[in-house]
């Protein structure tokens, strides 16, 4: 019961942070952090894919509703939830697939966790921005935006992970 309340608190907190603060931050017109995906990345590894996809869809839909983006975040977060298990298995080959853990530096180690958030964040940002621009006309700008958005998101995730680890 308490874990569900904590998940709902994180869900609401991350949606509010994203739509009220982070969606309005554009560093040099490019870098926008998409920190709300931290909820999906930190979800327990033993949860079924369907449950995670429902949480991800609701998370993306909430950001879409308040951010006035018609279904883009819902689609991409659902796709990220679908791919997360495969990415986890890819970056942690030594871990037993039946073991249940919360992805993080403590459970995975620094290098596998960094590879995990790097792959997930770049995948999320690339697909979201391709859907958003719906064109490859200005490819260098699109690639720069993907690189900057993913980089600032990774920095935010690593900072919060370092703070949570110290507690």
N, C-alpha and C. Protein backbone atom coordinates (compact mmCIF):
# COMPACT_ATOMS: atom_id res chain seq x y z
N UNK A 1 0.83 -1.20 0.00
CA UNK A 1 0.00 0.00 0.00
C UNK A 1 0.86 1.25 0.00
N UNK A 2 1.89 1.27 0.85
CA UNK A 2 2.74 2.44 0.93
C UNK A 2 3.52 2.64 -0.37
N UNK A 3 3.95 1.55 -0.99
CA UNK A 3 4.70 1.70 -2.24
C UNK A 3 3.84 2.31 -3.33
N UNK A 4 2.55 1.95 -3.37
CA UNK A 4 1.68 2.56 -4.38
C UNK A 4 1.48 4.04 -4.10
N UNK A 5 1.37 4.41 -2.83
CA UNK A 5 1.24 5.83 -2.49
C UNK A 5 2.51 6.59 -2.86
N UNK A 6 3.67 5.98 -2.64
CA UNK A 6 4.92 6.62 -3.02
C UNK A 6 5.02 6.76 -4.54
N UNK A 7 4.59 5.74 -5.27
CA UNK A 7 4.61 5.82 -6.73
C UNK A 7 3.68 6.92 -7.23
N UNK A 8 2.52 7.05 -6.63
CA UNK A 8 1.57 8.10 -7.02
C UNK A 8 2.14 9.48 -6.69
N UNK A 9 2.81 9.60 -5.53
CA UNK A 9 3.44 10.87 -5.19
C UNK A 9 4.53 11.23 -6.20
N UNK A 10 5.38 10.28 -6.56
CA UNK A 10 6.41 10.52 -7.57
C UNK A 10 5.78 10.88 -8.91
N UNK A 11 4.73 10.16 -9.28
CA UNK A 11 4.03 10.40 -10.54
C UNK A 11 3.53 11.84 -10.59
N UNK A 12 2.80 12.26 -9.57
CA UNK A 12 2.23 13.61 -9.55
C UNK A 12 3.34 14.65 -9.48
N UNK A 13 4.35 14.40 -8.66
CA UNK A 13 5.45 15.35 -8.53
C UNK A 13 6.22 15.54 -9.83
N UNK A 14 6.51 14.44 -10.52
CA UNK A 14 7.25 14.54 -11.78
C UNK A 14 6.42 15.18 -12.88
N UNK A 15 5.13 14.90 -12.93
CA UNK A 15 4.27 15.55 -13.93
C UNK A 15 4.22 17.05 -13.68
N UNK A 16 4.02 17.44 -12.43
CA UNK A 16 3.96 18.87 -12.11
C UNK A 16 5.30 19.56 -12.39
N UNK A 17 6.40 18.93 -12.02
CA UNK A 17 7.72 19.49 -12.30
C UNK A 17 7.92 19.67 -13.81
N UNK A 18 7.53 18.67 -14.57
CA UNK A 18 7.72 18.73 -16.02
C UNK A 18 6.88 19.83 -16.66
N UNK A 19 5.59 19.86 -16.35
CA UNK A 19 4.71 20.79 -17.06
C UNK A 19 4.79 22.22 -16.54
N UNK A 20 5.12 22.39 -15.26
CA UNK A 20 5.17 23.75 -14.71
C UNK A 20 6.55 24.40 -14.82
N UNK A 21 7.60 23.59 -14.81
CA UNK A 21 8.94 24.17 -14.80
C UNK A 21 9.75 23.77 -16.04
N UNK A 22 9.95 22.47 -16.22
CA UNK A 22 10.91 22.01 -17.23
C UNK A 22 10.47 22.23 -18.67
N UNK A 23 9.18 22.18 -18.95
CA UNK A 23 8.72 22.45 -20.31
C UNK A 23 8.96 23.88 -20.74
N UNK A 24 9.20 24.77 -19.78
CA UNK A 24 9.43 26.18 -20.09
C UNK A 24 10.91 26.53 -20.08
N UNK A 25 11.76 25.55 -19.84
CA UNK A 25 13.20 25.75 -19.85
C UNK A 25 13.75 25.32 -21.20
N UNK A 26 14.33 26.25 -21.90
CA UNK A 26 14.97 25.94 -23.18
C UNK A 26 16.33 26.61 -23.15
N UNK A 27 17.35 25.87 -22.79
CA UNK A 27 18.69 26.43 -22.68
C UNK A 27 19.23 26.68 -24.08
N UNK A 28 19.47 27.95 -24.39
CA UNK A 28 19.89 28.39 -25.73
C UNK A 28 18.91 27.97 -26.83
N UNK A 29 17.66 27.79 -26.48
CA UNK A 29 16.65 27.43 -27.46
C UNK A 29 16.64 25.96 -27.84
N UNK A 30 17.53 25.18 -27.24
CA UNK A 30 17.62 23.77 -27.62
C UNK A 30 17.33 22.81 -26.48
N UNK A 31 18.10 22.88 -25.42
CA UNK A 31 18.08 21.86 -24.39
C UNK A 31 16.86 21.99 -23.48
N UNK A 32 15.97 21.02 -23.55
CA UNK A 32 14.82 20.93 -22.67
C UNK A 32 14.89 19.59 -21.94
N UNK A 33 14.98 19.61 -20.61
CA UNK A 33 15.05 18.33 -19.88
C UNK A 33 13.69 17.63 -19.84
N UNK A 34 13.71 16.34 -20.09
CA UNK A 34 12.51 15.50 -19.99
C UNK A 34 12.68 14.59 -18.78
N UNK A 35 12.66 15.19 -17.61
CA UNK A 35 12.96 14.47 -16.38
C UNK A 35 11.87 13.49 -15.97
N UNK A 36 10.66 13.63 -16.49
CA UNK A 36 9.56 12.76 -16.07
C UNK A 36 9.78 11.31 -16.44
N UNK A 37 10.69 11.02 -17.36
CA UNK A 37 10.95 9.62 -17.72
C UNK A 37 11.70 8.89 -16.60
N UNK A 38 12.19 9.63 -15.62
CA UNK A 38 12.85 9.02 -14.46
C UNK A 38 11.91 8.04 -13.76
N UNK A 39 10.62 8.33 -13.78
CA UNK A 39 9.62 7.44 -13.18
C UNK A 39 9.66 6.07 -13.85
N UNK A 40 9.74 6.04 -15.15
CA UNK A 40 9.76 4.78 -15.89
C UNK A 40 11.11 4.07 -15.70
N UNK A 41 12.18 4.85 -15.73
CA UNK A 41 13.51 4.26 -15.62
C UNK A 41 13.75 3.62 -14.26
N UNK A 42 13.18 4.17 -13.20
CA UNK A 42 13.41 3.67 -11.85
C UNK A 42 12.37 2.65 -11.39
N UNK A 43 11.40 2.34 -12.21
CA UNK A 43 10.38 1.37 -11.82
C UNK A 43 11.04 0.01 -11.63
N UNK A 44 10.54 -0.75 -10.70
CA UNK A 44 11.08 -2.05 -10.34
C UNK A 44 11.18 -2.97 -11.57
N UNK A 45 12.26 -3.71 -11.68
CA UNK A 45 12.49 -4.54 -12.86
C UNK A 45 11.57 -5.76 -12.92
N UNK A 46 11.02 -6.16 -11.79
CA UNK A 46 10.18 -7.35 -11.75
C UNK A 46 8.74 -7.11 -12.16
N UNK A 47 8.36 -5.87 -12.41
CA UNK A 47 6.99 -5.56 -12.77
C UNK A 47 6.72 -6.05 -14.20
N UNK A 48 5.50 -6.44 -14.46
CA UNK A 48 5.18 -6.92 -15.81
C UNK A 48 5.21 -5.76 -16.80
N UNK A 49 5.47 -6.09 -18.03
CA UNK A 49 5.56 -5.09 -19.08
C UNK A 49 4.24 -4.35 -19.25
N UNK A 50 3.12 -5.05 -19.10
CA UNK A 50 1.81 -4.42 -19.27
C UNK A 50 1.54 -3.37 -18.21
N UNK A 51 1.88 -3.68 -16.96
CA UNK A 51 1.68 -2.72 -15.88
C UNK A 51 2.53 -1.48 -16.11
N UNK A 52 3.78 -1.69 -16.49
CA UNK A 52 4.68 -0.56 -16.75
C UNK A 52 4.19 0.27 -17.93
N UNK A 53 3.65 -0.37 -18.94
CA UNK A 53 3.15 0.37 -20.10
C UNK A 53 1.91 1.19 -19.74
N UNK A 54 1.07 0.69 -18.86
CA UNK A 54 -0.10 1.47 -18.41
C UNK A 54 0.37 2.69 -17.62
N UNK A 55 1.31 2.50 -16.69
CA UNK A 55 1.85 3.63 -15.93
C UNK A 55 2.48 4.65 -16.87
N UNK A 56 3.26 4.16 -17.85
CA UNK A 56 3.94 5.05 -18.79
C UNK A 56 2.94 5.81 -19.65
N UNK A 57 1.91 5.12 -20.11
CA UNK A 57 0.90 5.80 -20.92
C UNK A 57 0.22 6.90 -20.11
N UNK A 58 -0.14 6.60 -18.87
CA UNK A 58 -0.79 7.61 -18.02
C UNK A 58 0.14 8.78 -17.73
N UNK A 59 1.42 8.48 -17.53
CA UNK A 59 2.40 9.53 -17.31
C UNK A 59 2.53 10.43 -18.54
N UNK A 60 2.70 9.82 -19.69
CA UNK A 60 2.80 10.60 -20.92
C UNK A 60 1.53 11.36 -21.24
N UNK A 61 0.39 10.74 -21.00
CA UNK A 61 -0.88 11.41 -21.26
C UNK A 61 -1.06 12.61 -20.34
N UNK A 62 -0.65 12.48 -19.09
CA UNK A 62 -0.73 13.60 -18.16
C UNK A 62 0.13 14.77 -18.62
N UNK A 63 1.34 14.47 -19.06
CA UNK A 63 2.21 15.53 -19.57
C UNK A 63 1.62 16.12 -20.85
N UNK A 64 1.02 15.28 -21.69
CA UNK A 64 0.39 15.78 -22.91
C UNK A 64 -0.78 16.69 -22.62
N UNK A 65 -1.60 16.32 -21.68
CA UNK A 65 -2.79 17.12 -21.36
C UNK A 65 -2.39 18.50 -20.86
N UNK A 66 -1.44 18.54 -19.92
CA UNK A 66 -1.03 19.82 -19.36
C UNK A 66 -0.04 20.57 -20.24
N UNK A 67 0.65 19.87 -21.12
CA UNK A 67 1.65 20.50 -21.97
C UNK A 67 1.16 20.81 -23.36
N UNK A 68 -0.09 20.47 -23.67
CA UNK A 68 -0.70 20.74 -24.97
C UNK A 68 0.09 20.10 -26.11
N UNK A 69 0.51 18.86 -25.90
CA UNK A 69 1.16 18.09 -26.96
C UNK A 69 0.27 16.88 -27.22
N UNK A 70 -0.38 16.84 -28.37
CA UNK A 70 -1.43 15.84 -28.61
C UNK A 70 -0.95 14.40 -28.74
N UNK A 71 -0.71 13.75 -27.62
CA UNK A 71 -0.41 12.32 -27.62
C UNK A 71 1.03 11.94 -27.88
N UNK A 72 1.90 12.92 -28.12
CA UNK A 72 3.30 12.57 -28.44
C UNK A 72 4.00 11.93 -27.26
N UNK A 73 3.90 12.52 -26.09
CA UNK A 73 4.56 11.96 -24.91
C UNK A 73 3.95 10.62 -24.52
N UNK A 74 2.65 10.48 -24.66
CA UNK A 74 2.00 9.21 -24.33
C UNK A 74 2.53 8.09 -25.22
N UNK A 75 2.67 8.38 -26.49
CA UNK A 75 3.17 7.36 -27.43
C UNK A 75 4.62 6.99 -27.12
N UNK A 76 5.45 7.99 -26.89
CA UNK A 76 6.87 7.71 -26.70
C UNK A 76 7.16 7.09 -25.34
N UNK A 77 6.45 7.52 -24.29
CA UNK A 77 6.67 6.89 -22.98
C UNK A 77 6.19 5.45 -22.99
N UNK A 78 5.10 5.16 -23.68
CA UNK A 78 4.62 3.78 -23.80
C UNK A 78 5.64 2.93 -24.55
N UNK A 79 6.21 3.48 -25.60
CA UNK A 79 7.24 2.77 -26.35
C UNK A 79 8.48 2.54 -25.47
N UNK A 80 8.85 3.54 -24.67
CA UNK A 80 10.00 3.39 -23.77
C UNK A 80 9.74 2.29 -22.74
N UNK A 81 8.54 2.25 -22.21
CA UNK A 81 8.19 1.20 -21.25
C UNK A 81 8.24 -0.18 -21.90
N UNK A 82 7.86 -0.26 -23.16
CA UNK A 82 7.90 -1.53 -23.89
C UNK A 82 9.35 -1.98 -24.10
N UNK A 83 10.24 -1.05 -24.39
CA UNK A 83 11.64 -1.37 -24.69
C UNK A 83 12.52 -1.49 -23.45
N UNK A 84 12.06 -1.03 -22.30
CA UNK A 84 12.89 -0.94 -21.10
C UNK A 84 13.45 -2.29 -20.66
N UNK A 85 12.66 -3.32 -20.68
CA UNK A 85 13.13 -4.64 -20.27
C UNK A 85 14.26 -5.15 -21.16
N UNK A 86 14.14 -4.95 -22.44
CA UNK A 86 15.19 -5.37 -23.37
C UNK A 86 16.47 -4.58 -23.15
N UNK A 87 16.32 -3.28 -22.90
CA UNK A 87 17.50 -2.44 -22.65
C UNK A 87 18.17 -2.85 -21.34
N UNK A 88 17.37 -3.15 -20.32
CA UNK A 88 17.94 -3.61 -19.05
C UNK A 88 18.73 -4.90 -19.23
N UNK A 89 18.17 -5.84 -19.99
CA UNK A 89 18.88 -7.10 -20.24
C UNK A 89 20.15 -6.86 -21.07
N UNK A 90 20.10 -5.86 -21.94
CA UNK A 90 21.27 -5.56 -22.78
C UNK A 90 22.43 -5.00 -21.97
N UNK A 91 22.14 -4.13 -21.02
CA UNK A 91 23.23 -3.47 -20.27
C UNK A 91 23.65 -4.24 -19.02
N UNK A 92 22.85 -5.19 -18.56
CA UNK A 92 23.22 -5.99 -17.39
C UNK A 92 23.19 -7.46 -17.76
N UNK A 93 24.16 -7.93 -18.55
CA UNK A 93 24.11 -9.32 -19.01
C UNK A 93 24.40 -10.34 -17.91
N UNK A 94 25.06 -9.95 -16.84
CA UNK A 94 25.42 -10.90 -15.80
C UNK A 94 24.29 -11.13 -14.81
N UNK A 95 23.31 -10.25 -14.79
CA UNK A 95 22.23 -10.34 -13.81
C UNK A 95 21.25 -11.44 -14.23
N UNK A 96 20.80 -12.19 -13.27
CA UNK A 96 19.82 -13.23 -13.51
C UNK A 96 18.50 -12.59 -13.90
N UNK A 97 17.87 -13.07 -14.94
CA UNK A 97 16.65 -12.42 -15.45
C UNK A 97 15.47 -12.56 -14.48
N UNK A 98 15.56 -13.47 -13.54
CA UNK A 98 14.45 -13.62 -12.59
C UNK A 98 14.62 -12.73 -11.36
N UNK A 99 15.78 -12.12 -11.23
CA UNK A 99 16.03 -11.28 -10.06
C UNK A 99 15.26 -9.96 -10.18
N UNK A 100 14.69 -9.54 -9.07
CA UNK A 100 13.88 -8.34 -9.01
C UNK A 100 14.69 -7.23 -8.34
N UNK A 101 14.89 -6.11 -9.04
CA UNK A 101 15.67 -5.01 -8.47
C UNK A 101 15.15 -3.68 -9.02
N UNK A 102 15.48 -2.61 -8.30
CA UNK A 102 15.16 -1.26 -8.78
C UNK A 102 16.40 -0.73 -9.48
N UNK A 103 16.30 -0.41 -10.77
CA UNK A 103 17.48 0.08 -11.49
C UNK A 103 18.06 1.32 -10.81
N UNK A 104 19.34 1.30 -10.60
CA UNK A 104 20.03 2.40 -9.97
C UNK A 104 21.50 2.09 -9.85
N UNK A 105 22.25 3.08 -9.39
CA UNK A 105 23.69 2.90 -9.24
C UNK A 105 23.99 1.83 -8.20
N UNK A 106 23.22 1.80 -7.13
CA UNK A 106 23.46 0.83 -6.06
C UNK A 106 23.21 -0.60 -6.54
N UNK A 107 22.17 -0.82 -7.30
CA UNK A 107 21.81 -2.17 -7.74
C UNK A 107 22.59 -2.63 -8.96
N UNK A 108 22.92 -1.69 -9.85
CA UNK A 108 23.52 -2.07 -11.13
C UNK A 108 25.00 -1.74 -11.24
N UNK A 109 25.45 -0.77 -10.50
CA UNK A 109 26.80 -0.26 -10.68
C UNK A 109 26.77 0.99 -11.54
N UNK A 110 27.83 1.74 -11.53
CA UNK A 110 27.85 3.04 -12.21
C UNK A 110 27.79 2.87 -13.73
N UNK A 111 28.65 2.06 -14.28
CA UNK A 111 28.73 1.92 -15.74
C UNK A 111 27.46 1.34 -16.36
N UNK A 112 26.93 0.22 -15.86
CA UNK A 112 25.69 -0.30 -16.46
C UNK A 112 24.51 0.66 -16.31
N UNK A 113 24.41 1.33 -15.15
CA UNK A 113 23.32 2.29 -14.97
C UNK A 113 23.46 3.46 -15.93
N UNK A 114 24.67 3.94 -16.12
CA UNK A 114 24.88 5.04 -17.06
C UNK A 114 24.53 4.63 -18.47
N UNK A 115 24.94 3.42 -18.88
CA UNK A 115 24.58 2.93 -20.22
C UNK A 115 23.07 2.80 -20.36
N UNK A 116 22.42 2.33 -19.31
CA UNK A 116 20.97 2.16 -19.30
C UNK A 116 20.24 3.49 -19.49
N UNK A 117 20.60 4.50 -18.70
CA UNK A 117 19.91 5.79 -18.86
C UNK A 117 20.32 6.47 -20.16
N UNK A 118 21.54 6.25 -20.62
CA UNK A 118 21.98 6.82 -21.88
C UNK A 118 21.15 6.28 -23.04
N UNK A 119 21.01 4.96 -23.11
CA UNK A 119 20.22 4.36 -24.19
C UNK A 119 18.75 4.76 -24.12
N UNK A 120 18.17 4.68 -22.93
CA UNK A 120 16.75 5.02 -22.79
C UNK A 120 16.47 6.48 -23.10
N UNK A 121 17.33 7.36 -22.62
CA UNK A 121 17.12 8.79 -22.83
C UNK A 121 17.29 9.17 -24.29
N UNK A 122 18.34 8.66 -24.94
CA UNK A 122 18.52 8.97 -26.36
C UNK A 122 17.39 8.40 -27.20
N UNK A 123 16.95 7.21 -26.88
CA UNK A 123 15.82 6.62 -27.59
C UNK A 123 14.57 7.47 -27.43
N UNK A 124 14.28 7.86 -26.19
CA UNK A 124 13.11 8.70 -25.91
C UNK A 124 13.19 10.02 -26.65
N UNK A 125 14.32 10.72 -26.52
CA UNK A 125 14.45 12.05 -27.13
C UNK A 125 14.42 11.97 -28.66
N UNK A 126 15.08 10.97 -29.23
CA UNK A 126 15.09 10.84 -30.68
C UNK A 126 13.69 10.62 -31.24
N UNK A 127 12.96 9.70 -30.66
CA UNK A 127 11.63 9.41 -31.19
C UNK A 127 10.67 10.58 -30.93
N UNK A 128 10.74 11.18 -29.74
CA UNK A 128 9.86 12.31 -29.44
C UNK A 128 10.11 13.48 -30.38
N UNK A 129 11.36 13.80 -30.62
CA UNK A 129 11.66 14.95 -31.47
C UNK A 129 11.41 14.68 -32.95
N UNK A 130 11.56 13.44 -33.38
CA UNK A 130 11.20 13.10 -34.76
C UNK A 130 9.69 13.22 -34.95
N UNK A 131 8.92 12.76 -33.96
CA UNK A 131 7.47 12.92 -34.03
C UNK A 131 7.09 14.39 -33.98
N UNK A 132 7.79 15.15 -33.14
CA UNK A 132 7.48 16.57 -32.98
C UNK A 132 7.77 17.37 -34.25
N UNK A 133 8.94 17.17 -34.85
CA UNK A 133 9.26 17.93 -36.06
C UNK A 133 8.60 17.35 -37.30
N UNK A 134 8.41 16.06 -37.33
CA UNK A 134 7.77 15.33 -38.43
C UNK A 134 8.42 15.64 -39.77
N UNK A 135 9.73 15.90 -39.71
CA UNK A 135 10.46 16.22 -40.92
C UNK A 135 11.94 16.02 -40.68
N UNK A 136 12.64 15.65 -41.74
CA UNK A 136 14.10 15.57 -41.69
C UNK A 136 14.71 16.68 -42.53
N UNK A 137 13.93 17.75 -42.75
CA UNK A 137 14.39 18.84 -43.61
C UNK A 137 15.62 19.52 -43.04
N UNK A 138 15.61 19.80 -41.76
CA UNK A 138 16.73 20.46 -41.10
C UNK A 138 17.39 19.47 -40.14
N UNK A 139 18.05 18.49 -40.70
CA UNK A 139 18.61 17.38 -39.92
C UNK A 139 19.67 17.81 -38.90
N UNK A 140 20.59 18.72 -39.22
CA UNK A 140 21.56 19.12 -38.20
C UNK A 140 20.92 19.74 -36.95
N UNK A 141 19.89 20.53 -37.12
CA UNK A 141 19.20 21.13 -35.97
C UNK A 141 18.48 20.04 -35.17
N UNK A 142 17.86 19.10 -35.85
CA UNK A 142 17.18 18.00 -35.18
C UNK A 142 18.18 17.17 -34.37
N UNK A 143 19.32 16.84 -34.95
CA UNK A 143 20.33 16.07 -34.23
C UNK A 143 20.90 16.84 -33.05
N UNK A 144 21.10 18.15 -33.20
CA UNK A 144 21.58 18.97 -32.10
C UNK A 144 20.56 19.02 -30.97
N UNK A 145 19.30 19.12 -31.32
CA UNK A 145 18.24 19.15 -30.31
C UNK A 145 18.15 17.81 -29.58
N UNK A 146 18.26 16.71 -30.30
CA UNK A 146 18.25 15.39 -29.67
C UNK A 146 19.44 15.26 -28.72
N UNK A 147 20.61 15.66 -29.16
CA UNK A 147 21.82 15.57 -28.34
C UNK A 147 21.71 16.43 -27.09
N UNK A 148 21.25 17.67 -27.23
CA UNK A 148 21.18 18.56 -26.06
C UNK A 148 20.07 18.15 -25.10
N UNK A 149 18.91 17.75 -25.62
CA UNK A 149 17.81 17.32 -24.75
C UNK A 149 18.20 16.07 -23.96
N UNK A 150 18.80 15.12 -24.65
CA UNK A 150 19.21 13.88 -23.98
C UNK A 150 20.31 14.17 -22.96
N UNK A 151 21.25 15.02 -23.30
CA UNK A 151 22.35 15.32 -22.39
C UNK A 151 21.86 15.99 -21.11
N UNK A 152 21.00 16.98 -21.23
CA UNK A 152 20.50 17.67 -20.04
C UNK A 152 19.61 16.75 -19.21
N UNK A 153 18.88 15.87 -19.85
CA UNK A 153 18.05 14.90 -19.13
C UNK A 153 18.93 13.92 -18.35
N UNK A 154 20.00 13.45 -18.98
CA UNK A 154 20.92 12.53 -18.32
C UNK A 154 21.58 13.20 -17.12
N UNK A 155 21.99 14.45 -17.27
CA UNK A 155 22.60 15.18 -16.16
C UNK A 155 21.62 15.30 -15.00
N UNK A 156 20.37 15.63 -15.30
CA UNK A 156 19.34 15.75 -14.25
C UNK A 156 19.13 14.42 -13.53
N UNK A 157 19.05 13.33 -14.29
CA UNK A 157 18.84 12.01 -13.70
C UNK A 157 20.02 11.62 -12.82
N UNK A 158 21.24 11.87 -13.30
CA UNK A 158 22.42 11.53 -12.50
C UNK A 158 22.49 12.36 -11.22
N UNK A 159 22.10 13.63 -11.29
CA UNK A 159 22.11 14.47 -10.09
C UNK A 159 21.10 13.96 -9.05
N UNK A 160 19.90 13.64 -9.49
CA UNK A 160 18.89 13.15 -8.56
C UNK A 160 19.29 11.78 -8.01
N UNK A 161 19.89 10.96 -8.83
CA UNK A 161 20.34 9.65 -8.38
C UNK A 161 21.44 9.79 -7.33
N UNK A 162 22.34 10.74 -7.52
CA UNK A 162 23.40 10.98 -6.53
C UNK A 162 22.81 11.49 -5.22
N UNK A 163 21.82 12.34 -5.30
CA UNK A 163 21.17 12.86 -4.08
C UNK A 163 20.42 11.75 -3.36
N UNK A 164 19.68 10.94 -4.09
CA UNK A 164 18.92 9.84 -3.48
C UNK A 164 19.85 8.78 -2.89
N UNK A 165 21.00 8.59 -3.48
CA UNK A 165 21.94 7.58 -3.00
C UNK A 165 22.58 7.99 -1.68
N UNK A 166 22.75 9.29 -1.47
CA UNK A 166 23.38 9.77 -0.25
C UNK A 166 22.46 9.66 0.95
N UNK A 167 21.17 9.57 0.73
CA UNK A 167 20.20 9.51 1.86
C UNK A 167 20.23 8.18 2.54
